[in-house]
Structures are given as C-alpha cells and as structure tokens.
Amino acid sequence: LSKEKEIFSVKDAILNATTILSADLKTHNIEINTSFETFEEVKIFGVKSELSQVLIAIISNSIDVLKSKKNPKVKIEVFSSSAEVIIKLADNGGGIKPKNLKKIFEPYFSTKEEGTGIGLYLSKMIIEESFAGKILVENKKEGVLFSLFIEKAL
C-alpha cells in the first residue's frame, strides 16, 4: 500500500473500502448505497489507502451493529462545495448511546467485547492530521451519521 501523498479520487477510495467489506455486507444482507451529489469527480490530496482505512473503520462499526437489525442499510453520500468535499456515512442501526457519543474518538474506548477502541481514534487522527479535515458524529432518527470534511484538491 502506497504511503505517498497524491491527488486521488474520493470515489476510488470509497470503492476500495466497500469492495474490501463486500463479503461482510453480503453475509449479513446489509444494503449499501453510495450516491454522489456532485457534478464532478471529486479529488483530494493525501494517502488514498488512509481514507479507505477510515471508511472501513466506520462501516465495520455499522456492520457490527446492523448484524442483528431488520432491513440493515448503510448510506454513503458525497457532496462537494467549491472548497471541500463532505462524505456522509449513515446507518439505520439505532445510533450510539448519548453517554458514549462523546467518547467514541477516544483511544481504547470500545463498546464491543473484542474491540480495541483504536479504529475511530485512528480515523480521527488520519482525517485531522493527514487530510487537515474534520470528522463529526451525530445520532439521527434511524441511526448514526458520520460526516467527514476534507479540503478539495484544486
């Protein structure tokens, strides 16, 4: 895996992540929908495999929660403004307990028995340090929504 920073397509990074997780998604009949609400092929500067890693961490957490749900869904939406790209990942897994919501990016915090608690911590580091972006999480009606904000490569 290349650790070179380069200008790469957000779509490619998402495809990498969803391809790696496709067997898991299929096993649990989880429907995944990706939509690009943007008129251009959005590109950003950084290490492509690192963005994929972040997406994998977030979607894997969704898979863990969705295994036991009816009609499980993960939705990925990509928006872009003149300056940045916004990647939103939502699931219908019921959300995160409010008391845990502010802890999920802390190192070693996990609600899973086998969890190491570094997936989302590393994700936050990567987005903030490698991409100079930001990552937000909130509960929506049906589940959790992660939003990644990253500056576009011009």
N, C-alpha and C. Protein backbone atom coordinates (compact mmCIF):
# COMPACT_ATOMS: atom_id res chain seq x y z
N LEU A 1 0.84 -1.21 0.00
CA LEU A 1 0.00 0.00 0.00
C LEU A 1 0.87 1.25 0.00
N SER A 2 0.54 2.14 -0.89
CA SER A 2 1.36 3.34 -1.04
C SER A 2 1.11 4.32 0.10
N LYS A 3 2.18 4.85 0.65
CA LYS A 3 2.05 5.87 1.68
C LYS A 3 2.37 7.24 1.07
N GLU A 4 2.48 7.26 -0.25
CA GLU A 4 2.76 8.51 -0.96
C GLU A 4 1.51 9.39 -0.92
N LYS A 5 1.71 10.66 -0.68
CA LYS A 5 0.57 11.57 -0.82
C LYS A 5 0.40 11.89 -2.29
N GLU A 6 -0.82 11.89 -2.74
CA GLU A 6 -1.10 12.16 -4.15
C GLU A 6 -2.51 12.74 -4.24
N ILE A 7 -2.83 13.22 -5.42
CA ILE A 7 -4.21 13.65 -5.66
C ILE A 7 -4.97 12.41 -6.13
N PHE A 8 -6.05 12.10 -5.44
CA PHE A 8 -6.79 10.89 -5.81
C PHE A 8 -8.30 11.14 -5.77
N SER A 9 -9.01 10.24 -6.42
CA SER A 9 -10.46 10.36 -6.49
C SER A 9 -11.11 9.79 -5.23
N VAL A 10 -12.02 10.56 -4.67
CA VAL A 10 -12.76 10.13 -3.49
C VAL A 10 -13.55 8.85 -3.82
N LYS A 11 -14.08 8.82 -5.03
CA LYS A 11 -14.85 7.66 -5.47
C LYS A 11 -14.01 6.38 -5.39
N ASP A 12 -12.76 6.47 -5.83
CA ASP A 12 -11.87 5.29 -5.78
C ASP A 12 -11.67 4.81 -4.35
N ALA A 13 -11.45 5.75 -3.44
CA ALA A 13 -11.21 5.37 -2.04
C ALA A 13 -12.45 4.69 -1.45
N ILE A 14 -13.63 5.19 -1.83
CA ILE A 14 -14.87 4.60 -1.33
C ILE A 14 -15.05 3.20 -1.91
N LEU A 15 -14.78 3.08 -3.22
CA LEU A 15 -14.89 1.76 -3.86
C LEU A 15 -13.95 0.75 -3.22
N ASN A 16 -12.72 1.18 -2.92
CA ASN A 16 -11.77 0.29 -2.24
C ASN A 16 -12.36 -0.23 -0.94
N ALA A 17 -12.90 0.69 -0.15
CA ALA A 17 -13.44 0.33 1.16
C ALA A 17 -14.63 -0.61 1.03
N THR A 18 -15.56 -0.27 0.14
CA THR A 18 -16.78 -1.10 0.05
C THR A 18 -16.45 -2.46 -0.56
N THR A 19 -15.45 -2.52 -1.43
CA THR A 19 -15.05 -3.80 -2.01
C THR A 19 -14.46 -4.71 -0.93
N ILE A 20 -13.60 -4.13 -0.09
CA ILE A 20 -12.98 -4.92 0.98
C ILE A 20 -14.05 -5.46 1.93
N LEU A 21 -15.11 -4.68 2.14
CA LEU A 21 -16.15 -5.09 3.10
C LEU A 21 -17.31 -5.83 2.44
N SER A 22 -17.25 -6.02 1.12
CA SER A 22 -18.44 -6.53 0.43
C SER A 22 -18.88 -7.91 0.92
N ALA A 23 -17.94 -8.79 1.24
CA ALA A 23 -18.32 -10.13 1.71
C ALA A 23 -19.09 -10.04 3.03
N ASP A 24 -18.56 -9.21 3.94
CA ASP A 24 -19.22 -8.99 5.23
C ASP A 24 -20.63 -8.42 5.06
N LEU A 25 -20.73 -7.44 4.17
CA LEU A 25 -22.03 -6.80 3.93
C LEU A 25 -23.02 -7.83 3.38
N LYS A 26 -22.54 -8.66 2.45
CA LYS A 26 -23.40 -9.70 1.85
C LYS A 26 -23.83 -10.71 2.89
N THR A 27 -22.88 -11.18 3.69
CA THR A 27 -23.18 -12.19 4.71
C THR A 27 -24.34 -11.76 5.58
N HIS A 28 -24.37 -10.50 5.94
CA HIS A 28 -25.40 -10.00 6.85
C HIS A 28 -26.54 -9.30 6.12
N ASN A 29 -26.59 -9.48 4.78
CA ASN A 29 -27.64 -8.85 3.97
C ASN A 29 -27.78 -7.37 4.22
N ILE A 30 -26.65 -6.70 4.35
CA ILE A 30 -26.69 -5.26 4.59
C ILE A 30 -26.64 -4.55 3.24
N GLU A 31 -27.62 -3.71 3.02
CA GLU A 31 -27.69 -2.97 1.77
C GLU A 31 -26.79 -1.75 1.89
N ILE A 32 -25.94 -1.52 0.89
CA ILE A 32 -25.09 -0.33 0.95
C ILE A 32 -25.35 0.50 -0.30
N ASN A 33 -25.62 1.77 -0.10
CA ASN A 33 -25.89 2.66 -1.23
C ASN A 33 -24.92 3.82 -1.19
N THR A 34 -24.28 4.06 -2.33
CA THR A 34 -23.37 5.20 -2.41
C THR A 34 -23.92 6.16 -3.44
N SER A 35 -24.06 7.42 -3.07
CA SER A 35 -24.51 8.39 -4.06
C SER A 35 -23.59 9.60 -4.06
N PHE A 36 -23.37 10.11 -5.26
CA PHE A 36 -22.50 11.26 -5.43
C PHE A 36 -23.37 12.46 -5.81
N GLU A 37 -23.57 13.35 -4.86
CA GLU A 37 -24.42 14.52 -5.10
C GLU A 37 -23.53 15.65 -5.58
N THR A 38 -22.80 15.37 -6.62
CA THR A 38 -21.81 16.33 -7.06
C THR A 38 -21.63 16.19 -8.57
N PHE A 39 -21.30 17.29 -9.22
CA PHE A 39 -21.22 17.27 -10.68
C PHE A 39 -19.84 16.93 -11.18
N GLU A 40 -18.92 16.69 -10.27
CA GLU A 40 -17.54 16.49 -10.72
C GLU A 40 -17.00 15.26 -10.03
N GLU A 41 -15.91 14.76 -10.57
CA GLU A 41 -15.20 13.68 -9.92
C GLU A 41 -14.33 14.36 -8.85
N VAL A 42 -14.74 14.24 -7.60
CA VAL A 42 -14.07 15.00 -6.54
C VAL A 42 -12.72 14.36 -6.20
N LYS A 43 -11.70 15.20 -6.14
CA LYS A 43 -10.37 14.71 -5.81
C LYS A 43 -9.82 15.43 -4.58
N ILE A 44 -9.08 14.68 -3.79
CA ILE A 44 -8.43 15.28 -2.63
C ILE A 44 -6.97 14.86 -2.61
N PHE A 45 -6.19 15.54 -1.78
CA PHE A 45 -4.76 15.27 -1.70
C PHE A 45 -4.46 14.52 -0.41
N GLY A 46 -3.76 13.42 -0.53
CA GLY A 46 -3.40 12.65 0.66
C GLY A 46 -3.06 11.23 0.27
N VAL A 47 -3.10 10.34 1.25
CA VAL A 47 -2.82 8.93 1.00
C VAL A 47 -4.15 8.21 0.84
N LYS A 48 -4.39 7.70 -0.37
CA LYS A 48 -5.68 7.11 -0.67
C LYS A 48 -6.04 5.97 0.29
N SER A 49 -5.05 5.10 0.59
CA SER A 49 -5.34 3.95 1.45
C SER A 49 -5.75 4.40 2.86
N GLU A 50 -5.29 5.59 3.26
CA GLU A 50 -5.67 6.07 4.60
C GLU A 50 -7.14 6.47 4.64
N LEU A 51 -7.61 7.09 3.56
CA LEU A 51 -9.04 7.45 3.54
C LEU A 51 -9.86 6.16 3.52
N SER A 52 -9.43 5.18 2.72
CA SER A 52 -10.15 3.91 2.69
C SER A 52 -10.19 3.28 4.08
N GLN A 53 -9.07 3.36 4.79
CA GLN A 53 -8.98 2.80 6.14
C GLN A 53 -10.01 3.43 7.08
N VAL A 54 -10.17 4.74 6.97
CA VAL A 54 -11.15 5.45 7.80
C VAL A 54 -12.56 4.97 7.46
N LEU A 55 -12.85 4.87 6.17
CA LEU A 55 -14.18 4.44 5.75
C LEU A 55 -14.45 3.02 6.22
N ILE A 56 -13.43 2.16 6.13
CA ILE A 56 -13.58 0.77 6.58
C ILE A 56 -13.87 0.73 8.08
N ALA A 57 -13.17 1.55 8.86
CA ALA A 57 -13.39 1.56 10.32
C ALA A 57 -14.84 1.94 10.64
N ILE A 58 -15.32 2.98 9.96
CA ILE A 58 -16.68 3.46 10.23
C ILE A 58 -17.73 2.44 9.79
N ILE A 59 -17.55 1.91 8.57
CA ILE A 59 -18.55 0.96 8.04
C ILE A 59 -18.51 -0.35 8.83
N SER A 60 -17.31 -0.78 9.26
CA SER A 60 -17.21 -2.01 10.07
C SER A 60 -18.00 -1.89 11.35
N ASN A 61 -17.93 -0.72 11.97
CA ASN A 61 -18.72 -0.50 13.18
C ASN A 61 -20.21 -0.60 12.88
N SER A 62 -20.61 -0.06 11.74
CA SER A 62 -22.02 -0.17 11.34
C SER A 62 -22.40 -1.63 11.15
N ILE A 63 -21.53 -2.39 10.48
CA ILE A 63 -21.83 -3.81 10.23
C ILE A 63 -22.06 -4.54 11.56
N ASP A 64 -21.21 -4.27 12.55
CA ASP A 64 -21.35 -4.93 13.87
C ASP A 64 -22.72 -4.68 14.48
N VAL A 65 -23.18 -3.45 14.33
CA VAL A 65 -24.46 -3.08 14.93
C VAL A 65 -25.62 -3.61 14.08
N LEU A 66 -25.44 -3.60 12.77
CA LEU A 66 -26.53 -3.93 11.85
C LEU A 66 -26.79 -5.43 11.73
N LYS A 67 -25.82 -6.25 12.12
CA LYS A 67 -25.97 -7.71 12.02
C LYS A 67 -27.29 -8.18 12.56
N SER A 68 -27.73 -7.54 13.66
CA SER A 68 -28.92 -8.03 14.36
C SER A 68 -30.18 -7.23 14.02
N LYS A 69 -30.10 -6.35 13.01
CA LYS A 69 -31.25 -5.49 12.71
C LYS A 69 -32.01 -5.97 11.47
N LYS A 70 -33.28 -5.56 11.41
CA LYS A 70 -34.08 -5.83 10.21
C LYS A 70 -33.77 -4.77 9.15
N ASN A 71 -33.78 -5.18 7.88
CA ASN A 71 -33.51 -4.26 6.76
C ASN A 71 -32.31 -3.34 7.00
N PRO A 72 -31.15 -3.93 7.29
CA PRO A 72 -29.99 -3.09 7.61
C PRO A 72 -29.48 -2.33 6.38
N LYS A 73 -29.15 -1.07 6.60
CA LYS A 73 -28.69 -0.23 5.48
C LYS A 73 -27.53 0.66 5.90
N VAL A 74 -26.62 0.86 4.95
CA VAL A 74 -25.57 1.85 5.12
C VAL A 74 -25.67 2.77 3.91
N LYS A 75 -25.64 4.06 4.16
CA LYS A 75 -25.75 5.01 3.06
C LYS A 75 -24.52 5.90 3.07
N ILE A 76 -23.88 6.01 1.92
CA ILE A 76 -22.72 6.89 1.80
C ILE A 76 -23.09 7.97 0.79
N GLU A 77 -22.95 9.22 1.19
CA GLU A 77 -23.25 10.32 0.27
C GLU A 77 -22.05 11.24 0.20
N VAL A 78 -21.76 11.66 -1.01
CA VAL A 78 -20.63 12.56 -1.21
C VAL A 78 -21.14 13.88 -1.78
N PHE A 79 -20.82 14.95 -1.09
CA PHE A 79 -21.21 16.29 -1.53
C PHE A 79 -19.93 17.09 -1.72
N SER A 80 -20.00 18.11 -2.58
CA SER A 80 -18.83 18.98 -2.63
C SER A 80 -19.26 20.42 -2.77
N SER A 81 -18.52 21.29 -2.12
CA SER A 81 -18.72 22.72 -2.28
C SER A 81 -17.53 23.20 -3.09
N SER A 82 -17.39 24.51 -3.20
CA SER A 82 -16.26 24.98 -4.01
C SER A 82 -14.93 24.63 -3.35
N ALA A 83 -14.92 24.49 -2.03
CA ALA A 83 -13.65 24.30 -1.34
C ALA A 83 -13.45 22.91 -0.74
N GLU A 84 -14.55 22.25 -0.40
CA GLU A 84 -14.34 20.99 0.30
C GLU A 84 -15.28 19.90 -0.18
N VAL A 85 -14.91 18.68 0.22
CA VAL A 85 -15.75 17.53 -0.06
C VAL A 85 -16.29 17.05 1.29
N ILE A 86 -17.53 16.63 1.29
CA ILE A 86 -18.16 16.13 2.51
C ILE A 86 -18.62 14.71 2.23
N ILE A 87 -18.12 13.78 3.03
CA ILE A 87 -18.53 12.38 2.89
C ILE A 87 -19.38 12.05 4.10
N LYS A 88 -20.63 11.67 3.85
CA LYS A 88 -21.53 11.33 4.96
C LYS A 88 -21.81 9.83 4.94
N LEU A 89 -21.62 9.20 6.10
CA LEU A 89 -21.90 7.77 6.22
C LEU A 89 -22.96 7.59 7.28
N ALA A 90 -24.10 7.00 6.89
CA ALA A 90 -25.20 6.84 7.83
C ALA A 90 -25.62 5.38 7.85
N ASP A 91 -26.09 4.92 9.02
CA ASP A 91 -26.68 3.59 9.07
C ASP A 91 -28.02 3.67 9.80
N ASN A 92 -28.74 2.55 9.79
CA ASN A 92 -30.02 2.54 10.50
C ASN A 92 -29.95 1.56 11.66
N GLY A 93 -28.82 1.63 12.37
CA GLY A 93 -28.57 0.71 13.48
C GLY A 93 -29.03 1.20 14.83
N GLY A 94 -29.76 2.31 14.87
CA GLY A 94 -30.30 2.77 16.15
C GLY A 94 -29.45 3.80 16.88
N GLY A 95 -28.26 4.08 16.35
CA GLY A 95 -27.47 5.16 16.95
C GLY A 95 -26.59 4.73 18.11
N ILE A 96 -25.92 5.69 18.68
CA ILE A 96 -24.95 5.47 19.75
C ILE A 96 -25.50 6.10 21.03
N LYS A 97 -25.36 5.39 22.13
CA LYS A 97 -25.86 5.96 23.40
C LYS A 97 -25.24 7.33 23.63
N PRO A 98 -26.07 8.32 24.01
CA PRO A 98 -25.54 9.68 24.20
C PRO A 98 -24.30 9.74 25.09
N LYS A 99 -24.25 8.90 26.14
CA LYS A 99 -23.07 8.99 27.02
C LYS A 99 -21.81 8.48 26.32
N ASN A 100 -21.99 7.64 25.30
CA ASN A 100 -20.83 7.12 24.56
C ASN A 100 -20.43 8.01 23.40
N LEU A 101 -21.40 8.81 22.95
CA LEU A 101 -21.18 9.61 21.75
C LEU A 101 -19.94 10.49 21.86
N LYS A 102 -19.75 11.11 23.04
CA LYS A 102 -18.60 12.00 23.10
C LYS A 102 -17.29 11.26 23.36
N LYS A 103 -17.38 9.96 23.60
CA LYS A 103 -16.16 9.20 23.88
C LYS A 103 -15.66 8.40 22.69
N ILE A 104 -16.46 8.32 21.63
CA ILE A 104 -16.11 7.32 20.62
C ILE A 104 -14.78 7.56 19.90
N PHE A 105 -14.28 8.79 19.94
CA PHE A 105 -13.00 9.03 19.28
C PHE A 105 -11.82 8.90 20.26
N GLU A 106 -12.12 8.57 21.53
CA GLU A 106 -11.03 8.43 22.49
C GLU A 106 -10.31 7.10 22.26
N PRO A 107 -8.98 7.12 22.45
CA PRO A 107 -8.26 5.85 22.28
C PRO A 107 -8.73 4.83 23.32
N TYR A 108 -8.83 3.59 22.90
CA TYR A 108 -9.18 2.44 23.76
C TYR A 108 -10.61 2.46 24.29
N PHE A 109 -11.43 3.36 23.78
CA PHE A 109 -12.85 3.30 24.17
C PHE A 109 -13.56 2.38 23.19
N SER A 110 -14.19 1.33 23.71
CA SER A 110 -14.95 0.44 22.84
C SER A 110 -16.16 -0.07 23.57
N THR A 111 -17.25 -0.29 22.84
CA THR A 111 -18.44 -0.90 23.45
C THR A 111 -18.48 -2.38 23.08
N LYS A 112 -17.50 -2.83 22.29
CA LYS A 112 -17.51 -4.23 21.85
C LYS A 112 -16.61 -5.06 22.74
N GLU A 113 -17.02 -6.30 22.95
CA GLU A 113 -16.21 -7.18 23.80
C GLU A 113 -14.81 -7.37 23.25
N GLU A 114 -14.73 -7.53 21.93
CA GLU A 114 -13.41 -7.74 21.35
C GLU A 114 -12.77 -6.46 20.81
N GLY A 115 -13.46 -5.35 21.03
CA GLY A 115 -12.98 -4.11 20.43
C GLY A 115 -11.68 -3.59 21.03
N THR A 116 -10.83 -3.03 20.18
CA THR A 116 -9.58 -2.44 20.69
C THR A 116 -9.79 -0.97 21.00
N GLY A 117 -10.82 -0.38 20.39
CA GLY A 117 -11.08 1.03 20.63
C GLY A 117 -10.08 1.95 19.95
N ILE A 118 -9.38 1.44 18.93
CA ILE A 118 -8.49 2.39 18.25
C ILE A 118 -8.95 2.73 16.83
N GLY A 119 -9.96 2.03 16.32
CA GLY A 119 -10.42 2.29 14.96
C GLY A 119 -10.85 3.73 14.71
N LEU A 120 -11.75 4.22 15.54
CA LEU A 120 -12.25 5.58 15.33
C LEU A 120 -11.26 6.63 15.81
N TYR A 121 -10.47 6.27 16.81
CA TYR A 121 -9.41 7.18 17.27
C TYR A 121 -8.42 7.41 16.12
N LEU A 122 -8.00 6.32 15.49
CA LEU A 122 -7.08 6.44 14.35
C LEU A 122 -7.74 7.19 13.20
N SER A 123 -9.02 6.92 13.00
CA SER A 123 -9.75 7.59 11.92
C SER A 123 -9.71 9.10 12.12
N LYS A 124 -9.95 9.52 13.35
CA LYS A 124 -9.95 10.95 13.64
C LYS A 124 -8.55 11.54 13.41
N MET A 125 -7.52 10.81 13.86
CA MET A 125 -6.13 11.27 13.64
C MET A 125 -5.84 11.44 12.16
N ILE A 126 -6.22 10.43 11.38
CA ILE A 126 -5.95 10.46 9.93
C ILE A 126 -6.65 11.65 9.29
N ILE A 127 -7.93 11.81 9.57
CA ILE A 127 -8.69 12.90 8.94
C ILE A 127 -8.12 14.25 9.37
N GLU A 128 -7.80 14.40 10.65
CA GLU A 128 -7.31 15.71 11.12
C GLU A 128 -5.86 15.97 10.73
N GLU A 129 -5.03 14.94 10.84
CA GLU A 129 -3.60 15.18 10.62
C GLU A 129 -3.17 14.97 9.18
N SER A 130 -3.61 13.85 8.56
CA SER A 130 -3.17 13.60 7.19
C SER A 130 -3.94 14.45 6.18
N PHE A 131 -5.22 14.69 6.47
CA PHE A 131 -6.04 15.41 5.50
C PHE A 131 -6.40 16.82 5.94
N ALA A 132 -5.97 17.21 7.14
CA ALA A 132 -6.33 18.53 7.70
C ALA A 132 -7.83 18.77 7.60
N GLY A 133 -8.58 17.71 7.86
CA GLY A 133 -10.03 17.82 7.77
C GLY A 133 -10.67 17.68 9.13
N LYS A 134 -12.00 17.43 9.13
CA LYS A 134 -12.62 17.14 10.41
C LYS A 134 -13.66 16.04 10.27
N ILE A 135 -13.90 15.38 11.39
CA ILE A 135 -14.85 14.26 11.41
C ILE A 135 -15.85 14.54 12.52
N LEU A 136 -17.12 14.43 12.20
CA LEU A 136 -18.17 14.68 13.18
C LEU A 136 -19.09 13.47 13.25
N VAL A 137 -19.69 13.28 14.40
CA VAL A 137 -20.64 12.17 14.54
C VAL A 137 -21.88 12.69 15.24
N GLU A 138 -23.03 12.20 14.83
CA GLU A 138 -24.28 12.58 15.50
C GLU A 138 -25.30 11.47 15.32
N ASN A 139 -26.27 11.44 16.21
CA ASN A 139 -27.36 10.48 16.06
C ASN A 139 -28.46 11.11 15.22
N LYS A 140 -28.99 10.31 14.31
CA LYS A 140 -30.13 10.72 13.51
C LYS A 140 -31.31 9.86 13.95
N LYS A 141 -32.45 10.05 13.30
CA LYS A 141 -33.64 9.31 13.70
C LYS A 141 -33.38 7.80 13.70
N GLU A 142 -32.77 7.29 12.63
CA GLU A 142 -32.65 5.84 12.50
C GLU A 142 -31.34 5.26 13.00
N GLY A 143 -30.31 6.10 13.05
CA GLY A 143 -29.01 5.54 13.39
C GLY A 143 -27.99 6.63 13.54
N VAL A 144 -26.75 6.25 13.22
CA VAL A 144 -25.66 7.19 13.43
C VAL A 144 -25.25 7.80 12.09
N LEU A 145 -24.75 9.04 12.14
CA LEU A 145 -24.25 9.70 10.93
C LEU A 145 -22.86 10.23 11.21
N PHE A 146 -21.90 9.78 10.40
CA PHE A 146 -20.55 10.33 10.45
C PHE A 146 -20.40 11.27 9.27
N SER A 147 -19.80 12.42 9.49
CA SER A 147 -19.54 13.35 8.39
C SER A 147 -18.05 13.67 8.37
N LEU A 148 -17.45 13.50 7.20
CA LEU A 148 -16.04 13.82 7.01
C LEU A 148 -15.95 15.05 6.12
N PHE A 149 -15.18 16.03 6.56
CA PHE A 149 -15.00 17.26 5.78
C PHE A 149 -13.53 17.35 5.40
N ILE A 150 -13.26 17.36 4.10
CA ILE A 150 -11.86 17.39 3.65
C ILE A 150 -11.75 18.42 2.52
N GLU A 151 -10.66 19.17 2.55
CA GLU A 151 -10.45 20.17 1.51
C GLU A 151 -10.25 19.50 0.16
N LYS A 152 -10.84 20.07 -0.86
CA LYS A 152 -10.68 19.53 -2.21
C LYS A 152 -9.31 19.88 -2.77
N ALA A 153 -8.82 18.98 -3.62
CA ALA A 153 -7.58 19.29 -4.33
C ALA A 153 -7.99 20.09 -5.56
N LEU A 154 -7.31 21.19 -5.81
CA LEU A 154 -7.70 22.00 -6.96
C LEU A 154 -6.84 21.69 -8.18
